[in-house]
Amino acid sequence: MSIVSSGADYRRRLKRDQEQVQDLREAAPEPVSTELADSSERRGNSRYKCEGSATFRVQGSTVRSWGTFTDLSISGCYVELKATFPVGALIDLELELNGIRAQITGEVQVSYPFLGRGVAFRNVSAENRRLWADMIDSVRPSIRKMPVTETGTVLPATSLPIILNAGAALQALADFFEAHTLLPKEEFMRILRKSQGL
């Protein structure tokens, strides 16, 4: 067999395998789980989409599997891999995301045959808990603090307040420039809000 035909055969097999995985995903069976409650009701923590690498080993075994974890929370993650592990299996995970690596013990909570596992963390050391929190921070959307009025109304940080008293606003800005030469946007917004009693 020539190199060209073996390369073509390899690509055909690879494409066929990818199609089979896609077919499995589309016809995924109900997860096998020890929990009776709906998964959204069980989760007490926010989950974040990501794509990190995972090394997966059942405790007591020397065989390792590799996969990708595709979401994470402070209490667990979902690992995509073809290897099957039973619900309740205790596993050792080495997870890496955005240059951060943590070693965590977990328990398989849900199993989708040939697709992946939902894992809950168990007995996580303080150091690995800190590393895991750093991973979450690396994918968590940033939350900007919004200014709040005295009445508790949240104001968008970039919106201009309604100017009801133009004289007060102008005077507040003039007072500011008596002592300063530059006015950052955040300070400008604060001065305007204060001048209007917000």
Foldseek 3Di string as FASTA:
>chain_A
DDPVVVVVVVVVVVVVVVVVVVVCVVVWDDKDFPDPDDPVVPDPWDKFFFWKKKWKAFPPDPDIDIFIWTIDTLFWTKTFAQDDDDFQTWMWMWIDGPRQTAIFIWTFGITTHRTITITTTDDGDPVRSVSRVVRCVVGDDDDDDFDAAPVGDTDHQPDADDQPDVVLLVVLVVVVVVPDDDDDPSNNRVSRCVSRRD
